[in-house]
Protein backbone atom coordinates (compact mmCIF):
# COMPACT_ATOMS: atom_id res chain seq x y z
CA UNK A 1 -0.34 -0.35 -0.14
CA UNK A 2 1.28 3.37 -0.84
CA UNK A 3 2.19 6.00 1.94
CA UNK A 4 -0.27 8.18 0.12
CA UNK A 5 -3.57 10.14 0.46
CA UNK A 6 -6.73 9.75 -1.71
CA UNK A 7 -9.22 12.59 -2.11
CA UNK A 8 -12.95 11.27 -2.59
CA UNK A 9 -15.44 13.98 -3.28
CA UNK A 10 -19.01 12.81 -2.91
CA UNK A 11 -22.26 14.63 -4.84
CA UNK A 12 -24.16 14.18 -7.85
CA UNK A 13 -24.26 17.69 -8.41
CA UNK A 14 -20.27 17.23 -8.87
CA UNK A 15 -20.81 14.66 -11.49
CA UNK A 16 -23.66 16.61 -13.01
CA UNK A 17 -21.38 19.89 -13.62
CA UNK A 18 -23.61 22.19 -11.34
CA UNK A 19 -20.87 23.20 -9.01
CA UNK A 20 -16.83 23.53 -9.56
CA UNK A 21 -14.96 20.82 -7.62
CA UNK A 22 -13.36 23.47 -5.52
CA UNK A 23 -12.55 21.18 -2.56
CA UNK A 24 -10.59 18.62 -4.58
CA UNK A 25 -8.26 21.65 -5.54
CA UNK A 26 -7.94 23.11 -2.17
CA UNK A 27 -7.20 19.39 -0.61
CA UNK A 28 -4.48 18.67 -3.56
CA UNK A 29 -2.71 22.25 -2.73
CA UNK A 30 -2.78 21.60 1.01
CA UNK A 31 -1.54 18.05 0.52
CA UNK A 32 1.45 19.23 -1.87
CA UNK A 33 2.24 21.91 1.03
CA UNK A 34 2.47 19.46 3.56
CA UNK A 35 4.61 16.91 1.45
CA UNK A 36 2.02 14.49 1.83
CA UNK A 37 1.97 12.24 -1.40
CA UNK A 38 -1.13 12.36 -3.57
CA UNK A 39 -2.03 10.46 -6.68
CA UNK A 40 -5.61 9.97 -6.98
CA UNK A 41 -8.64 11.49 -6.81
CA UNK A 42 -12.45 10.35 -6.97
CA UNK A 43 -15.88 11.98 -7.64
CA UNK A 44 -18.98 9.76 -6.98
CA UNK A 45 -22.55 10.31 -6.72
CA UNK A 46 -24.84 10.19 -3.72
CA UNK A 47 -25.28 6.27 -4.50
CA UNK A 48 -24.06 3.90 -1.36
CA UNK A 49 -22.91 1.03 -3.82
CA UNK A 50 -20.86 3.27 -5.58
CA UNK A 51 -19.20 4.86 -2.52
CA UNK A 52 -18.69 1.39 -1.21
CA UNK A 53 -16.58 0.87 -4.43
CA UNK A 54 -15.11 3.80 -4.47
CA UNK A 55 -13.73 3.26 -1.07
CA UNK A 56 -12.98 -0.48 -1.46
CA UNK A 57 -10.42 0.74 -4.46
CA UNK A 58 -8.96 3.77 -2.33
CA UNK A 59 -8.24 1.35 0.65
CA UNK A 60 -6.02 -0.81 -1.76
CA UNK A 61 -3.90 2.05 -2.69
CA UNK A 62 -3.83 4.80 -0.29
CA UNK A 63 -3.41 5.32 3.50
CA UNK A 64 -5.20 8.76 4.24
CA UNK A 65 -8.63 8.97 2.58
CA UNK A 66 -10.20 12.41 2.85
CA UNK A 67 -13.77 12.80 1.76
CA UNK A 68 -15.92 15.86 1.44
CA UNK A 69 -19.79 16.29 0.95
CA UNK A 70 -22.62 14.30 2.15
CA UNK A 71 -22.83 15.68 5.68
CA UNK A 72 -25.97 17.19 5.65
CA UNK A 73 -29.68 16.32 6.80
CA UNK A 74 -30.97 15.32 3.76
CA UNK A 75 -31.74 11.75 2.86
CA UNK A 76 -28.71 11.97 -0.18
CA UNK A 77 -26.42 12.69 2.59
CA UNK A 78 -25.13 9.32 3.20
CA UNK A 79 -21.29 9.53 3.81
CA UNK A 80 -21.08 8.57 7.37
CA UNK A 81 -23.62 5.97 7.07
CA UNK A 82 -22.20 4.17 3.93
CA UNK A 83 -18.96 4.29 5.39
CA UNK A 84 -20.19 2.68 8.89
CA UNK A 85 -22.00 -0.10 6.69
CA UNK A 86 -18.83 -0.62 4.47
CA UNK A 87 -16.38 -0.94 7.59
CA UNK A 88 -19.33 -2.70 9.55
CA UNK A 89 -19.72 -0.16 12.46
CA UNK A 90 -22.89 0.90 14.19
CA UNK A 91 -23.55 4.51 13.78
CA UNK A 92 -23.98 6.39 17.33
CA UNK A 93 -25.50 9.44 18.24
CA UNK A 94 -23.07 11.85 20.11
CA UNK A 95 -24.93 13.80 22.52
CA UNK A 96 -22.07 16.57 22.62
CA UNK A 97 -22.46 16.88 18.80
CA UNK A 98 -26.27 17.25 18.72
CA UNK A 99 -26.23 19.85 21.42
CA UNK A 100 -23.73 21.84 19.39
CA UNK A 101 -25.94 21.73 16.32
CA UNK A 102 -28.85 22.69 18.89
CA UNK A 103 -26.95 25.63 19.90
CA UNK A 104 -25.61 26.92 16.79
CA UNK A 105 -29.57 26.91 15.56
CA UNK A 106 -30.62 28.71 18.52
CA UNK A 107 -28.02 31.37 17.84
CA UNK A 108 -29.46 31.91 14.60
CA UNK A 109 -32.87 32.23 15.73
CA UNK A 110 -34.01 28.72 14.27
CA UNK A 111 -35.50 25.67 15.62
CA UNK A 112 -33.49 22.71 14.75
CA UNK A 113 -35.80 19.94 12.62
CA UNK A 114 -35.70 16.59 13.51
CA UNK A 115 -33.71 15.54 10.12
CA UNK A 116 -30.81 17.55 11.73
CA UNK A 117 -30.25 14.66 14.29
CA UNK A 118 -28.96 12.66 11.49
CA UNK A 119 -25.68 15.28 11.55
CA UNK A 120 -25.06 13.57 15.16
CA UNK A 121 -24.83 10.06 13.92
CA UNK A 122 -21.24 9.23 13.84
CA UNK A 123 -19.51 5.79 13.56
CA UNK A 124 -19.01 4.46 16.95
CA UNK A 125 -15.43 4.01 16.99
CA UNK A 126 -14.67 7.46 15.09
CA UNK A 127 -13.28 10.63 16.85
CA UNK A 128 -15.56 13.92 15.89
CA UNK A 129 -14.16 16.49 13.41
CA UNK A 130 -15.55 19.55 14.95
CA UNK A 131 -17.24 22.15 12.64
CA UNK A 132 -16.90 25.77 14.24
CA UNK A 133 -18.67 27.25 11.12
CA UNK A 134 -21.61 25.06 10.24
CA UNK A 135 -23.41 22.31 11.74
CA UNK A 136 -22.23 19.26 9.90
CA UNK A 137 -19.27 17.61 11.97
CA UNK A 138 -16.77 15.51 10.21
CA UNK A 139 -14.77 12.66 11.71
CA UNK A 140 -11.47 11.14 11.85
CA UNK A 141 -10.99 7.53 11.98
CA UNK A 142 -8.87 4.55 11.84
CA UNK A 143 -11.59 1.80 11.06
CA UNK A 144 -8.49 -0.56 10.31
CA UNK A 145 -4.72 -0.57 11.00
CA UNK A 146 -2.57 1.33 8.62
CA UNK A 147 -5.67 3.34 7.50
CA UNK A 148 -6.99 6.92 8.21
CA UNK A 149 -10.36 8.72 7.17
CA UNK A 150 -11.34 12.27 7.31
CA UNK A 151 -14.44 13.59 6.43
CA UNK A 152 -15.70 17.29 5.68
CA UNK A 153 -18.71 19.27 4.45
CA UNK A 154 -19.14 19.92 1.04
CA UNK A 155 -19.29 23.43 2.14
CA UNK A 156 -16.03 25.07 0.93
CA UNK A 157 -15.73 27.71 3.87
CA UNK A 158 -16.43 24.78 6.27
CA UNK A 159 -14.03 22.25 5.02
CA UNK A 160 -11.53 24.71 4.77
CA UNK A 161 -11.83 26.14 8.53
CA UNK A 162 -12.02 22.38 9.48
CA UNK A 163 -8.65 21.52 7.72
CA UNK A 164 -6.81 24.21 8.94
CA UNK A 165 -8.09 24.12 12.66
CA UNK A 166 -7.77 20.49 12.97
CA UNK A 167 -6.66 18.22 10.14
CA UNK A 168 -3.26 19.61 9.87
CA UNK A 169 -2.31 19.99 13.52
CA UNK A 170 -3.53 15.94 13.66
CA UNK A 171 -1.49 15.11 10.43
CA UNK A 172 1.20 16.83 11.59
CA UNK A 173 1.35 15.32 15.36
CA UNK A 174 0.76 11.83 13.66
CA UNK A 175 3.82 11.61 11.77
CA UNK A 176 2.24 12.42 8.43
CA UNK A 177 4.22 15.62 7.80
CA UNK A 178 8.00 14.42 7.37
CA UNK A 179 8.85 16.97 4.77
CA UNK A 180 7.34 20.53 3.49
CA UNK A 181 6.77 21.39 -0.08
CA UNK A 182 6.30 25.26 0.04
CA UNK A 183 5.44 27.06 -3.20
CA UNK A 184 5.26 30.84 -4.12
CA UNK A 185 4.12 31.84 -7.48
CA UNK A 186 5.06 34.93 -9.53
CA UNK A 187 2.67 36.21 -11.75
CA UNK A 188 3.06 38.02 -14.92
CA UNK A 189 1.09 40.26 -17.48
CA UNK A 190 2.42 41.36 -20.72
CA UNK A 191 4.36 38.28 -21.80
CA UNK A 192 3.32 34.90 -23.36
CA UNK A 193 3.66 31.66 -21.74
CA UNK A 194 6.03 30.66 -24.35
CA UNK A 195 8.07 33.60 -24.63
CA UNK A 196 8.42 33.80 -20.61
CA UNK A 197 9.25 29.73 -20.86
CA UNK A 198 12.01 30.53 -23.02
CA UNK A 199 13.56 33.40 -21.25
CA UNK A 200 13.58 31.12 -17.90
CA UNK A 201 14.14 27.79 -19.70
CA UNK A 202 17.37 26.89 -17.72
CA UNK A 203 15.29 26.98 -14.32
CA UNK A 204 12.74 24.47 -16.09
CA UNK A 205 15.30 21.59 -15.17
CA UNK A 206 15.98 22.45 -11.58
CA UNK A 207 14.84 19.67 -9.46
CA UNK A 208 14.61 21.38 -6.22
CA UNK A 209 13.27 24.06 -6.14
CA UNK A 210 11.21 23.23 -9.38
CA UNK A 211 9.75 25.74 -11.77
CA UNK A 212 6.71 25.52 -13.78
CA UNK A 213 4.44 27.98 -16.02
CA UNK A 214 1.11 28.32 -15.88
CA UNK A 215 -1.10 30.36 -18.04
CA UNK A 216 -4.67 31.28 -17.62
CA UNK A 217 -6.68 34.00 -19.06
CA UNK A 218 -4.26 36.24 -20.38
CA UNK A 219 -1.96 35.70 -17.30
CA UNK A 220 1.12 33.83 -16.92
CA UNK A 221 2.46 32.26 -13.69
CA UNK A 222 5.61 30.74 -12.75
CA UNK A 223 5.24 28.38 -9.70
CA UNK A 224 8.39 27.88 -7.69
CA UNK A 225 8.26 24.75 -5.34
CA UNK A 226 10.61 23.69 -2.66
CA UNK A 227 11.01 20.66 -0.44
CA UNK A 228 12.89 20.76 2.54
CA UNK A 229 12.47 19.93 6.64
CA UNK A 230 10.62 23.06 7.18
CA UNK A 231 8.63 26.09 5.38
CA UNK A 232 11.36 28.29 6.65
CA UNK A 233 14.01 26.04 5.04
CA UNK A 234 12.02 25.83 1.68
CA UNK A 235 11.47 29.42 1.85
CA UNK A 236 15.55 30.02 1.90
CA UNK A 237 15.78 27.69 -1.21
CA UNK A 238 13.06 29.74 -3.06
CA UNK A 239 14.21 33.09 -2.38
CA UNK A 240 17.41 33.47 -4.59
CA UNK A 241 15.16 31.78 -7.59
CA UNK A 242 12.64 34.14 -7.32
CA UNK A 243 15.21 36.83 -7.18
CA UNK A 244 16.55 35.78 -10.34
CA UNK A 245 13.07 35.04 -12.17
CA UNK A 246 11.83 38.69 -11.06
CA UNK A 247 14.98 40.10 -12.76
CA UNK A 248 14.43 38.46 -15.90
CA UNK A 249 10.57 39.06 -16.14
CA UNK A 250 11.51 42.51 -15.17
CA UNK A 251 8.38 44.97 -15.42
CA UNK A 252 6.06 42.10 -16.67
CA UNK A 253 6.43 40.69 -13.35
CA UNK A 254 3.70 42.64 -11.18
CA UNK A 255 3.41 40.07 -7.93
CA UNK A 256 3.44 37.11 -6.61
CA UNK A 257 0.88 34.40 -4.87
CA UNK A 258 -2.53 36.44 -3.86
CA UNK A 259 -1.32 39.64 -5.54
CA UNK A 260 -3.76 40.65 -8.38
CA UNK A 261 -3.46 43.50 -11.07
CA UNK A 262 -6.22 45.57 -9.29
CA UNK A 263 -4.52 45.26 -5.87
CA UNK A 264 -1.14 45.84 -6.99
CA UNK A 265 -2.28 48.83 -8.76
CA UNK A 266 -4.22 49.83 -5.60
CA UNK A 267 -1.29 49.90 -3.38
CA UNK A 268 0.83 51.97 -6.49
CA UNK A 269 -1.96 54.58 -6.32
CA UNK A 270 -2.03 54.59 -2.53
CA UNK A 271 1.52 55.05 -1.87
CA UNK A 272 1.44 58.19 -4.52
CA UNK A 273 -1.64 59.44 -2.89
CA UNK A 274 -3.26 59.40 -5.96
CA UNK A 275 -6.78 58.85 -7.34
CA UNK A 276 -8.31 57.09 -10.16
CA UNK A 277 -11.37 56.97 -12.30
CA UNK A 278 -12.22 54.88 -15.43
CA UNK A 279 -14.47 55.25 -18.39
CA UNK A 280 -15.57 52.15 -19.98
CA UNK A 281 -17.34 50.87 -23.13
CA UNK A 282 -17.04 47.36 -24.30
CA UNK A 283 -16.14 46.46 -20.68
CA UNK A 284 -19.20 47.57 -19.40
CA UNK A 285 -18.07 48.18 -15.71
CA UNK A 286 -15.69 45.03 -15.78
CA UNK A 287 -12.76 47.14 -14.93
CA UNK A 288 -14.48 49.12 -12.19
CA UNK A 289 -15.62 45.83 -10.72
CA UNK A 290 -11.92 44.45 -10.45
CA UNK A 291 -10.99 47.62 -8.84
CA UNK A 292 -13.58 47.60 -6.18
CA UNK A 293 -12.95 43.81 -5.46
CA UNK A 294 -10.10 45.02 -3.28
CA UNK A 295 -10.71 45.85 0.22
CA UNK A 296 -9.95 49.76 0.88
CA UNK A 297 -10.42 50.59 -2.93
CA UNK A 298 -12.38 53.60 -1.87
CA UNK A 299 -9.14 55.61 -0.95
CA UNK A 300 -8.27 55.75 -4.40
CA UNK A 301 -10.80 54.79 -6.65
CA UNK A 302 -13.56 57.31 -6.90
CA UNK A 303 -15.90 55.51 -9.20
CA UNK A 304 -16.56 55.80 -13.37
CA UNK A 305 -18.61 56.16 -16.28
CA UNK A 306 -19.95 53.35 -18.28
CA UNK A 307 -20.30 55.23 -21.69
CA UNK A 308 -21.61 52.25 -23.72
CA UNK A 309 -23.51 54.58 -26.12
CA UNK A 310 -21.71 57.40 -28.14
CA UNK A 311 -24.37 59.86 -26.61
CA UNK A 312 -22.74 59.17 -23.25
CA UNK A 313 -19.12 59.72 -24.21
CA UNK A 314 -20.35 63.19 -25.87
CA UNK A 315 -22.32 64.02 -22.92
CA UNK A 316 -20.62 62.86 -19.87
CA UNK A 317 -16.93 62.42 -21.03
CA UNK A 318 -16.92 65.62 -23.78
CA UNK A 319 -16.02 63.34 -26.41
CA UNK A 320 -16.12 65.33 -29.74
CA UNK A 321 -19.04 64.09 -31.99
CA UNK A 322 -16.66 64.80 -35.21
CA UNK A 323 -13.85 62.39 -33.78
CA UNK A 324 -16.74 59.84 -33.14
CA UNK A 325 -18.03 60.37 -36.85
CA UNK A 326 -14.81 60.57 -38.43
CA UNK A 327 -12.80 57.80 -36.53
CA UNK A 328 -15.28 55.95 -34.98
CA UNK A 329 -15.75 54.89 -31.38
CA UNK A 330 -13.01 52.54 -31.02
CA UNK A 331 -9.98 54.66 -31.98
CA UNK A 332 -6.99 56.16 -30.37
CA UNK A 333 -8.49 59.89 -30.61
CA UNK A 334 -11.68 58.67 -28.72
CA UNK A 335 -9.82 56.58 -26.01
CA UNK A 336 -7.65 59.50 -25.12
CA UNK A 337 -10.84 61.60 -24.88
CA UNK A 338 -12.48 59.33 -22.67
CA UNK A 339 -9.32 59.10 -20.28
CA UNK A 340 -9.28 62.93 -20.18
CA UNK A 341 -13.06 63.54 -20.02
CA UNK A 342 -13.60 61.07 -16.84
CA UNK A 343 -10.73 62.65 -15.20
CA UNK A 344 -11.87 66.00 -15.50
CA UNK A 345 -15.44 65.18 -14.64
CA UNK A 346 -14.45 63.33 -11.32
CA UNK A 347 -11.47 65.48 -10.44
CA UNK A 348 -9.05 62.51 -10.13
CA UNK A 349 -5.33 62.64 -10.96
CA UNK A 350 -5.41 59.49 -13.22
CA UNK A 351 -7.90 58.74 -16.19
CA UNK A 352 -8.34 55.26 -17.62
CA UNK A 353 -10.43 54.22 -20.26
CA UNK A 354 -11.43 51.31 -22.85
CA UNK A 355 -13.25 51.16 -25.88
CA UNK A 356 -13.26 48.41 -28.34
CA UNK A 357 -15.11 45.51 -30.08
CA UNK A 358 -15.73 42.51 -27.79
CA UNK A 359 -17.90 40.73 -30.11
CA UNK A 360 -19.27 38.25 -31.66
CA UNK A 361 -20.46 40.83 -34.04
CA UNK A 362 -19.64 44.39 -34.89
CA UNK A 363 -16.09 43.91 -36.29
CA UNK A 364 -15.00 44.92 -39.70
CA UNK A 365 -11.99 44.25 -41.80
CA UNK A 366 -10.33 47.52 -40.49
CA UNK A 367 -11.70 47.11 -36.85
CA UNK A 368 -11.92 43.27 -36.44
CA UNK A 369 -13.38 41.80 -33.12
CA UNK A 370 -10.80 41.82 -30.51
CA UNK A 371 -9.26 45.40 -31.49
CA UNK A 372 -9.13 47.38 -28.39
CA UNK A 373 -7.99 51.02 -27.41
CA UNK A 374 -7.02 51.97 -23.79
CA UNK A 375 -6.60 55.50 -22.97
CA UNK A 376 -4.60 57.04 -19.50
CA UNK A 377 -4.45 60.50 -18.79
CA UNK A 378 -2.17 60.97 -16.22
CA UNK A 379 -1.73 64.15 -13.75
CA UNK A 380 0.90 66.39 -15.67
CA UNK A 381 1.68 64.54 -19.41
CA UNK A 382 -0.29 64.66 -22.63
CA UNK A 383 -2.80 61.65 -22.57
CA UNK A 384 -1.70 58.45 -24.33
CA UNK A 385 -3.27 55.66 -25.71
CA UNK A 386 -2.51 51.71 -26.07
CA UNK A 387 -3.97 49.42 -28.94
CA UNK A 388 -4.23 45.82 -28.46
CA UNK A 389 -5.23 43.13 -30.79
CA UNK A 390 -6.97 40.20 -28.76
CA UNK A 391 -8.46 38.32 -31.77
CA UNK A 392 -11.68 36.61 -31.64
CA UNK A 393 -11.04 33.05 -31.24
CA UNK A 394 -11.75 33.21 -27.57
CA UNK A 395 -15.00 34.72 -27.03
CA UNK A 396 -16.64 37.92 -25.76
CA UNK A 397 -16.28 37.56 -22.23
CA UNK A 398 -12.41 36.78 -22.79
CA UNK A 399 -11.85 39.82 -24.90
CA UNK A 400 -13.67 42.02 -22.03
CA UNK A 401 -11.65 40.50 -19.13
CA UNK A 402 -8.07 40.95 -20.96
CA UNK A 403 -9.13 44.37 -21.86
CA UNK A 404 -9.73 45.27 -18.27
CA UNK A 405 -6.65 43.53 -17.13
CA UNK A 406 -4.57 45.20 -19.71
CA UNK A 407 -5.75 48.40 -18.64
CA UNK A 408 -4.66 47.88 -15.15
CA UNK A 409 -1.51 46.91 -16.55
CA UNK A 410 -1.06 49.84 -18.40
CA UNK A 411 -1.61 52.01 -15.75
CA UNK A 412 0.67 49.82 -13.20
CA UNK A 413 3.54 50.18 -15.73
CA UNK A 414 2.85 54.29 -15.58
CA UNK A 415 2.77 54.21 -12.08
CA UNK A 416 6.01 52.75 -11.86
CA UNK A 417 7.26 55.67 -13.27
CA UNK A 418 6.01 58.15 -11.17
CA UNK A 419 7.18 58.71 -7.64
CA UNK A 420 6.02 57.82 -4.38
CA UNK A 421 4.86 60.68 -2.08
CA UNK A 422 6.14 60.83 1.66
CA UNK A 423 3.65 59.63 4.00
């Protein structure tokens, strides 16, 4: 039997594609960080026979089985009773668990219904894995020698809290964590995956740390992973590699780990005590949405104008009608005027605009789908515009997303040229 973990996600809704299986991704990432080998994942519907078959196979090849889903109060929540039946152990109502469930219902001003008692039914020899967020507890169980089971609710927030608060300390205390795999992800915009991979190709052959490129929605990432006896030692291995990769990437490297273009731009605006307003056409508010996804963005982001119709461009932003008629809404001059217009209208330091053709219709031979202009009005320089040709092969949503991100990136690069103001 392999000294490895296996993830088993239970829920017919996962098989139907009704929800994204983010729990498997989270657990896989966590196992990698802990250095616990993980070779298999299984998704199985709410069916006792198929769940038992999945468990039987998993028991033959893995020592740690992690289950998510199937712990609720409804008839199709079958995880604990199916596991108890598989290992021929009776379920037993845990008084402490029942009391905890009743207390949580009372705190919310609700009365616990009878079907919720089901969540207090635990395999007789199992240890309760408590849920501080929701009502459904999990279990930590050794039903046979050399085999450990952990069950978690399917609700991601509950599962993640239980994993961090209880499961990880348990695994550490019981010898599962011998080495740590620590990762750091560098994030790039404005460079293709193939171009970046060519630049850093010598690092892609490294064994420890390893470097791997990934691309998603116009962004490229380099994940640096190091294996060591502790997170601190792994971090020491990563640091010099990260420094070299950042130097190679130059201004294309905008951040690391949980950084986003919006959060990085926000930090730059904050340290420069500068404000921003946006004018959007084809993105329809997507740029403003990215900016306001960052907590505290009201410090520097005042608002925007969604100038989808040309009349709004003229009346709200001061775009000249003649330029719209002669050059069209998707043009260098209109992008600049939109940026200047929103800067003036809102009284901000920086104005940022987007105008383009997101498709699938509306393109012409001279202005195809995917043509986007981004305008930028700075505090003390003439307005600029940047033209992008995103193509039409990936669809409207992709064009709108990369347009908003490219606008943030253009602003980021200009902000890097301007000095910080003393606090």
